[in-house]
Amino acid sequence: MSEPERRGVATIALLAGPDATASTLYGMYDILGSAGRDWSLLMHGRAGQPLLAPRIVSRDGRGFRTGNGAWIEPHAALEALPAPQAVCVPELFVAPEASLAGYGPEIAWLRNCHQGGALLAAACTGALLFAEAGLLDDQDATTHWAYCDALARRFPRVRVHAHRSLVVSGEGQRLIMAGGGTTWLDLALFLVARLVGVDEAMRLARINLIDWHQDGQQPYAALTSSRQVADACISRCQVWVARHYDTPSPVAGMVRESGLTERSFKRRFKAATGMTPMEYVHTLRLEEAKQYLESGDDPIDAVAEQVGYADPSFFRRLFGRRVGLTPSQYRRRFRAMRLRLQ
């Protein structure tokens, strides 16, 4: 019996695959390992008894270097670790459409852990491995906002919530996923609350100055996708509208640029981009509006006009619906950040 088992401490396996990123992996290791220990150290001058036992595991248990050059030193191989109470998959540094077929041993191990009753959590793109394992079929899920479309396309049975920063689903609520970036901090706190208690999670939030991502991922997401080039005609129209999105009739302008009938153009545009031409124009305008709000002090009505909206009320409603914050809220949050960085 291991030392954590003798002390009745829950073991959390942190899965280090070949595409793991050191910052998320070791960040979660530090947060989870500090539960029960650090608050007592700060308040009373002596470390408390750890309440969780994080363990880094990999396919063979041997150390390896990640794609960005950091060295990972696992504690054990997958099969050498006694059945953990929880498993966490930190983010994977892979392209959105990348195949995870090479993760066969990790996928089989995740399935076994899930069947054995373990709590499974994923930070950021780690959720892609859950989907590959079939654990998210007919379940709610989230991942980094830039990967949500690919997740939904590749695994149509998964109900993807692109704007949420934390999703809990599955039988017994044993599948937990965080969105992109630093939402792994939310995930770590949630795991501590679930396995230890809310009071301890709150202590860790205070120690580490962690602010919950209560607005989700939506305010941070880029609304536009990369320019598609498979359909040369539509690609040419996208270039044109990127320069003329603020004109009164940008869709009509794209139709003229294409040389197609309006019906044919709209059909081809939707097939190529996944959006109607007007939806695409809105994404361009709102992304440009974000830049104006972050970098300048023009009134909201003026920003609306600059990006092509004659009706400021419509602009406000659309911005709130698509971005998740009002234009004023967005400016307060991101302009302050930009000024500090400058």
Protein backbone atom coordinates (compact mmCIF):
# COMPACT_ATOMS: atom_id res chain seq x y z
CA MET A 1 0.00 0.00 0.00
CA SER A 2 1.32 3.42 -0.94
CA GLU A 3 1.83 6.25 1.56
CA PRO A 4 -1.19 8.25 0.26
CA GLU A 5 -3.41 5.17 0.62
CA ARG A 6 -2.22 4.59 4.19
CA ARG A 7 -3.13 8.18 5.08
CA GLY A 8 -6.51 7.99 3.32
CA VAL A 9 -5.49 10.71 0.86
CA ALA A 10 -7.07 10.72 -2.60
CA THR A 11 -4.62 10.07 -5.43
CA ILE A 12 -5.00 12.25 -8.53
CA ALA A 13 -3.18 10.97 -11.61
CA LEU A 14 -1.95 13.70 -13.94
CA LEU A 15 -1.56 12.17 -17.38
CA ALA A 16 1.58 13.34 -19.19
CA GLY A 17 1.23 12.43 -22.84
CA PRO A 18 3.81 13.21 -25.52
CA ASP A 19 2.10 16.53 -26.33
CA ALA A 20 1.75 17.71 -22.72
CA THR A 21 2.62 21.28 -21.76
CA ALA A 22 4.71 21.69 -18.64
CA SER A 23 3.01 24.85 -17.36
CA THR A 24 -0.45 23.30 -17.02
CA LEU A 25 0.85 19.93 -15.87
CA TYR A 26 3.07 21.26 -13.10
CA GLY A 27 0.72 24.14 -12.28
CA MET A 28 -2.04 21.65 -11.49
CA TYR A 29 0.45 19.48 -9.62
CA ASP A 30 1.38 22.45 -7.40
CA ILE A 31 -2.20 23.59 -6.73
CA LEU A 32 -3.52 20.10 -5.96
CA GLY A 33 -0.50 19.25 -3.83
CA SER A 34 -0.95 22.38 -1.72
CA ALA A 35 -4.43 21.40 -0.49
CA GLY A 36 -4.29 21.09 3.30
CA ARG A 37 -0.63 22.06 3.41
CA ASP A 38 -0.06 25.72 2.49
CA TRP A 39 -2.77 27.57 4.43
CA SER A 40 -1.42 26.21 7.71
CA LEU A 41 2.09 27.18 6.67
CA LEU A 42 1.02 30.79 6.02
CA MET A 43 -1.23 31.15 9.06
CA HIS A 44 0.65 29.12 11.67
CA GLY A 45 4.20 28.81 10.37
CA ARG A 46 4.10 25.05 9.86
CA ALA A 47 2.94 23.05 6.88
CA GLY A 48 -0.27 21.08 7.27
CA GLN A 49 -0.90 17.52 6.18
CA PRO A 50 -1.52 17.30 2.40
CA LEU A 51 -5.08 16.29 1.61
CA LEU A 52 -4.47 15.19 -1.99
CA ALA A 53 -1.69 13.20 -3.61
CA PRO A 54 -1.08 14.27 -7.23
CA ARG A 55 1.04 11.84 -9.23
CA ILE A 56 2.35 12.42 -12.75
CA VAL A 57 2.01 9.32 -14.91
CA SER A 58 3.00 8.50 -18.46
CA ARG A 59 2.83 5.53 -20.79
CA ASP A 60 6.15 4.04 -19.69
CA GLY A 61 7.05 6.16 -16.66
CA ARG A 62 10.25 7.45 -18.25
CA GLY A 63 11.18 11.12 -18.43
CA PHE A 64 10.78 12.94 -21.73
CA ARG A 65 11.09 16.36 -23.28
CA THR A 66 7.96 18.16 -24.44
CA GLY A 67 7.57 19.88 -27.79
CA ASN A 68 8.51 23.24 -26.27
CA GLY A 69 11.66 21.84 -24.68
CA ALA A 70 10.57 21.38 -21.05
CA TRP A 71 11.54 18.17 -19.25
CA ILE A 72 8.80 16.00 -17.70
CA GLU A 73 9.72 13.48 -15.02
CA PRO A 74 6.76 11.16 -14.26
CA HIS A 75 6.33 9.37 -10.95
CA ALA A 76 5.11 6.13 -12.51
CA ALA A 77 3.96 4.31 -15.61
CA LEU A 78 0.23 4.02 -16.23
CA GLU A 79 -0.08 0.42 -15.13
CA ALA A 80 2.21 0.85 -12.12
CA LEU A 81 -0.04 3.38 -10.38
CA PRO A 82 -2.72 1.96 -8.07
CA ALA A 83 -6.24 2.84 -9.19
CA PRO A 84 -6.53 6.62 -8.70
CA GLN A 85 -9.62 8.34 -7.33
CA ALA A 86 -9.30 11.00 -10.04
CA VAL A 87 -7.47 11.46 -13.33
CA CYS A 88 -6.65 14.77 -14.96
CA VAL A 89 -5.50 15.27 -18.56
CA PRO A 90 -3.69 18.60 -18.94
CA GLU A 91 -3.75 20.38 -22.28
CA LEU A 92 -2.25 18.82 -25.41
CA PHE A 93 -0.18 21.01 -27.70
CA VAL A 94 -1.71 19.77 -30.96
CA ALA A 95 -3.45 21.34 -33.95
CA PRO A 96 -7.28 21.37 -33.82
CA GLU A 97 -7.64 18.69 -36.51
CA ALA A 98 -4.67 16.57 -35.37
CA SER A 99 -5.14 12.83 -35.06
CA LEU A 100 -4.73 11.31 -31.61
CA ALA A 101 -4.50 7.77 -32.95
CA GLY A 102 -1.05 7.42 -31.36
CA TYR A 103 -2.58 7.69 -27.88
CA GLY A 104 -3.86 4.10 -27.84
CA PRO A 105 -2.42 3.08 -24.43
CA GLU A 106 -3.54 6.33 -22.79
CA ILE A 107 -7.05 6.00 -24.23
CA ALA A 108 -7.39 2.40 -23.01
CA TRP A 109 -6.16 3.44 -19.55
CA LEU A 110 -8.64 6.33 -19.38
CA ARG A 111 -11.50 3.99 -20.27
CA ASN A 112 -10.44 1.56 -17.55
CA CYS A 113 -10.20 4.35 -14.96
CA HIS A 114 -13.65 5.61 -15.92
CA GLN A 115 -15.15 2.12 -15.75
CA GLY A 116 -13.53 1.73 -12.33
CA GLY A 117 -15.41 4.77 -11.00
CA ALA A 118 -12.66 7.39 -11.15
CA LEU A 119 -13.40 11.07 -11.60
CA LEU A 120 -12.02 12.22 -14.97
CA ALA A 121 -11.03 15.84 -15.60
CA ALA A 122 -9.50 17.56 -18.61
CA ALA A 123 -7.89 20.97 -18.95
CA CYS A 124 -8.18 22.80 -22.25
CA THR A 125 -7.45 20.49 -25.21
CA GLY A 126 -7.18 17.46 -22.94
CA ALA A 127 -10.90 17.00 -23.63
CA LEU A 128 -9.98 15.87 -27.17
CA LEU A 129 -8.58 12.69 -25.62
CA PHE A 130 -11.87 12.07 -23.80
CA ALA A 131 -13.71 12.40 -27.11
CA GLU A 132 -11.25 10.06 -28.84
CA ALA A 133 -11.90 7.52 -26.07
CA GLY A 134 -15.65 7.71 -26.69
CA LEU A 135 -16.31 9.05 -23.19
CA LEU A 136 -18.10 12.17 -24.44
CA ASP A 137 -20.66 10.54 -26.72
CA ASP A 138 -24.07 12.13 -25.98
CA GLN A 139 -22.48 14.25 -23.23
CA ASP A 140 -21.97 17.98 -22.67
CA ALA A 141 -18.37 19.11 -23.13
CA THR A 142 -16.06 22.06 -23.63
CA THR A 143 -12.47 22.69 -24.64
CA HIS A 144 -10.38 25.66 -25.76
CA TRP A 145 -12.57 28.02 -27.80
CA ALA A 146 -10.33 27.63 -30.87
CA TYR A 147 -10.83 23.84 -30.83
CA CYS A 148 -14.58 23.64 -30.24
CA ASP A 149 -15.56 23.65 -33.93
CA ALA A 150 -13.11 20.87 -34.70
CA LEU A 151 -14.34 18.85 -31.71
CA ALA A 152 -17.96 19.21 -32.87
CA ARG A 153 -17.08 18.27 -36.47
CA ARG A 154 -15.01 15.22 -35.60
CA PHE A 155 -17.31 13.94 -32.86
CA PRO A 156 -20.89 14.91 -33.81
CA ARG A 157 -22.40 13.05 -30.84
CA VAL A 158 -20.68 15.42 -28.40
CA ARG A 159 -22.68 18.46 -27.24
CA VAL A 160 -19.98 21.14 -27.34
CA HIS A 161 -20.43 24.33 -25.29
CA ALA A 162 -17.87 26.67 -26.80
CA HIS A 163 -18.42 29.61 -24.47
CA ARG A 164 -18.40 27.84 -21.10
CA SER A 165 -15.21 27.75 -19.04
CA LEU A 166 -16.25 24.66 -17.04
CA VAL A 167 -18.57 21.77 -17.90
CA VAL A 168 -19.50 18.87 -15.62
CA SER A 169 -21.28 15.91 -17.22
CA GLY A 170 -21.53 12.14 -17.49
CA GLU A 171 -22.86 9.48 -15.16
CA GLY A 172 -22.35 10.60 -11.59
CA GLN A 173 -21.03 13.93 -12.86
CA ARG A 174 -17.62 12.24 -13.23
CA LEU A 175 -16.52 14.04 -16.41
CA ILE A 176 -15.19 17.55 -15.80
CA MET A 177 -13.74 19.80 -18.50
CA ALA A 178 -12.27 23.28 -18.41
CA GLY A 179 -11.96 25.60 -21.40
CA GLY A 180 -8.83 27.26 -22.69
CA GLY A 181 -5.85 29.05 -21.24
CA THR A 182 -5.80 29.57 -17.49
CA THR A 183 -9.19 27.95 -16.87
CA TRP A 184 -7.11 25.01 -15.60
CA LEU A 185 -7.03 27.05 -12.38
CA ASP A 186 -10.83 26.83 -12.22
CA LEU A 187 -10.55 23.10 -12.81
CA ALA A 188 -7.99 22.64 -10.04
CA LEU A 189 -10.17 24.54 -7.55
CA PHE A 190 -13.24 22.55 -8.61
CA LEU A 191 -11.37 19.27 -8.06
CA VAL A 192 -10.25 20.40 -4.61
CA ALA A 193 -13.83 21.42 -3.75
CA ARG A 194 -15.15 18.07 -4.98
CA LEU A 195 -12.54 15.85 -3.32
CA VAL A 196 -11.73 17.84 -0.18
CA GLY A 197 -14.29 20.60 0.34
CA VAL A 198 -15.30 24.09 -0.68
CA ASP A 199 -13.57 25.76 2.28
CA GLU A 200 -10.18 24.36 1.26
CA ALA A 201 -10.76 25.37 -2.36
CA MET A 202 -11.51 28.91 -1.19
CA ARG A 203 -8.31 28.99 0.86
CA LEU A 204 -6.28 28.01 -2.21
CA ALA A 205 -8.03 30.68 -4.27
CA ARG A 206 -7.03 33.28 -1.67
CA ILE A 207 -3.44 32.05 -1.42
CA ASN A 208 -2.93 32.03 -5.18
CA LEU A 209 -5.08 35.09 -6.06
CA ILE A 210 -7.25 32.96 -8.36
CA ASP A 211 -10.24 34.74 -9.89
CA TRP A 212 -12.94 32.42 -11.29
CA HIS A 213 -13.64 32.82 -15.02
CA GLN A 214 -17.29 33.61 -14.36
CA ASP A 215 -17.87 35.10 -17.82
CA GLY A 216 -16.64 31.95 -19.53
CA GLN A 217 -14.48 31.90 -22.66
CA GLN A 218 -16.73 33.99 -24.87
CA PRO A 219 -15.18 37.42 -24.19
CA TYR A 220 -11.73 36.07 -25.07
CA ALA A 221 -12.65 34.16 -28.21
CA ALA A 222 -11.80 35.41 -31.67
CA LEU A 223 -15.02 35.34 -33.62
CA THR A 224 -13.41 34.88 -37.01
CA SER A 225 -11.77 31.73 -38.27
CA SER A 226 -8.68 31.67 -40.44
CA ARG A 227 -9.30 32.59 -44.07
CA GLN A 228 -10.25 29.54 -46.10
CA VAL A 229 -8.57 29.10 -49.46
CA ALA A 230 -10.04 25.88 -50.89
CA ASP A 231 -12.65 27.78 -52.92
CA ALA A 232 -10.69 30.47 -54.77
CA CYS A 233 -13.80 32.48 -55.61
CA ILE A 234 -15.00 32.65 -52.01
CA SER A 235 -11.46 33.30 -50.80
CA ARG A 236 -11.28 36.31 -53.10
CA CYS A 237 -14.58 37.58 -51.71
CA GLN A 238 -13.30 37.20 -48.15
CA VAL A 239 -10.30 39.35 -49.01
CA TRP A 240 -12.63 41.95 -50.52
CA VAL A 241 -15.00 42.05 -47.53
CA ALA A 242 -12.08 42.31 -45.08
CA ARG A 243 -11.43 45.70 -46.66
CA HIS A 244 -15.06 46.76 -47.15
CA TYR A 245 -16.95 45.28 -44.16
CA ASP A 246 -17.98 48.79 -43.05
CA THR A 247 -19.83 49.59 -46.28
CA PRO A 248 -23.66 49.71 -46.29
CA SER A 249 -24.14 46.53 -48.39
CA PRO A 250 -21.10 44.27 -48.01
CA VAL A 251 -22.91 41.07 -49.00
CA ALA A 252 -24.08 42.61 -52.26
CA GLY A 253 -20.51 43.72 -52.85
CA MET A 254 -19.25 40.16 -52.38
CA VAL A 255 -21.86 38.87 -54.80
CA ARG A 256 -20.61 41.34 -57.44
CA GLU A 257 -17.01 40.38 -56.71
CA SER A 258 -17.82 36.68 -57.14
CA GLY A 259 -19.57 37.02 -60.50
CA LEU A 260 -22.08 34.42 -59.33
CA THR A 261 -25.82 34.66 -58.91
CA GLU A 262 -26.81 35.66 -55.37
CA ARG A 263 -28.24 32.23 -54.64
CA SER A 264 -25.15 30.36 -55.89
CA PHE A 265 -22.84 32.72 -54.01
CA LYS A 266 -24.64 32.27 -50.70
CA ARG A 267 -24.68 28.50 -51.09
CA ARG A 268 -20.96 28.31 -51.90
CA PHE A 269 -20.04 30.78 -49.16
CA LYS A 270 -21.88 28.75 -46.52
CA ALA A 271 -20.30 25.51 -47.75
CA ALA A 272 -16.80 27.04 -47.66
CA THR A 273 -16.94 28.93 -44.36
CA GLY A 274 -19.73 27.34 -42.34
CA MET A 275 -21.41 30.76 -42.03
CA THR A 276 -23.84 32.78 -44.09
CA PRO A 277 -22.28 35.84 -45.77
CA MET A 278 -24.02 38.18 -43.29
CA GLU A 279 -22.88 36.15 -40.29
CA TYR A 280 -19.36 36.42 -41.63
CA VAL A 281 -19.68 40.19 -42.02
CA HIS A 282 -20.90 40.45 -38.41
CA THR A 283 -17.85 38.51 -37.19
CA LEU A 284 -15.50 40.86 -39.02
CA ARG A 285 -17.27 43.94 -37.73
CA LEU A 286 -17.37 42.74 -34.13
CA GLU A 287 -13.68 41.79 -34.13
CA GLU A 288 -12.85 45.26 -35.43
CA ALA A 289 -15.13 46.79 -32.79
CA LYS A 290 -13.18 44.92 -30.11
CA GLN A 291 -9.99 46.58 -31.34
CA TYR A 292 -11.59 50.04 -31.24
CA LEU A 293 -12.93 49.42 -27.73
CA GLU A 294 -9.57 48.16 -26.45
CA SER A 295 -7.41 50.86 -27.98
CA GLY A 296 -9.51 54.04 -28.05
CA ASP A 297 -11.95 56.21 -26.14
CA ASP A 298 -14.55 56.86 -28.86
CA PRO A 299 -18.16 56.64 -27.65
CA ILE A 300 -19.92 53.31 -28.22
CA ASP A 301 -22.22 54.85 -30.82
CA ALA A 302 -19.20 56.10 -32.77
CA VAL A 303 -17.59 52.66 -32.66
CA ALA A 304 -20.81 51.15 -34.01
CA GLU A 305 -20.79 53.56 -36.93
CA GLN A 306 -17.09 53.01 -37.64
CA VAL A 307 -17.62 49.28 -38.13
CA GLY A 308 -20.72 49.66 -40.29
CA TYR A 309 -23.75 49.73 -37.97
CA ALA A 310 -26.11 52.67 -38.40
CA ASP A 311 -28.23 51.50 -35.46
CA PRO A 312 -26.19 51.60 -32.20
CA SER A 313 -28.89 49.68 -30.31
CA PHE A 314 -28.64 46.78 -32.76
CA PHE A 315 -24.84 46.86 -32.40
CA ARG A 316 -25.09 46.69 -28.61
CA ARG A 317 -27.50 43.74 -28.69
CA LEU A 318 -25.43 41.85 -31.26
CA PHE A 319 -22.16 42.51 -29.42
CA GLY A 320 -23.62 41.30 -26.12
CA ARG A 321 -25.04 38.16 -27.70
CA ARG A 322 -21.89 37.21 -29.61
CA VAL A 323 -19.19 38.38 -27.18
CA GLY A 324 -20.88 37.74 -23.84
CA LEU A 325 -20.25 41.24 -22.49
CA THR A 326 -21.74 44.60 -23.36
CA PRO A 327 -19.43 46.94 -25.30
CA SER A 328 -18.92 49.01 -22.14
CA GLN A 329 -18.08 45.93 -20.06
CA TYR A 330 -15.68 44.72 -22.73
CA ARG A 331 -13.94 48.09 -22.80
CA ARG A 332 -13.57 48.21 -19.02
CA ARG A 333 -11.99 44.78 -18.91
CA PHE A 334 -9.72 44.74 -21.94
CA ARG A 335 -8.80 48.41 -22.30
CA ALA A 336 -7.51 48.39 -18.72
CA MET A 337 -5.48 45.28 -19.52
CA ARG A 338 -4.03 46.84 -22.67
CA LEU A 339 -3.07 50.04 -20.84
CA ARG A 340 -1.31 48.07 -18.12
CA LEU A 341 0.61 46.07 -20.70
CA GLN A 342 1.61 49.23 -22.51
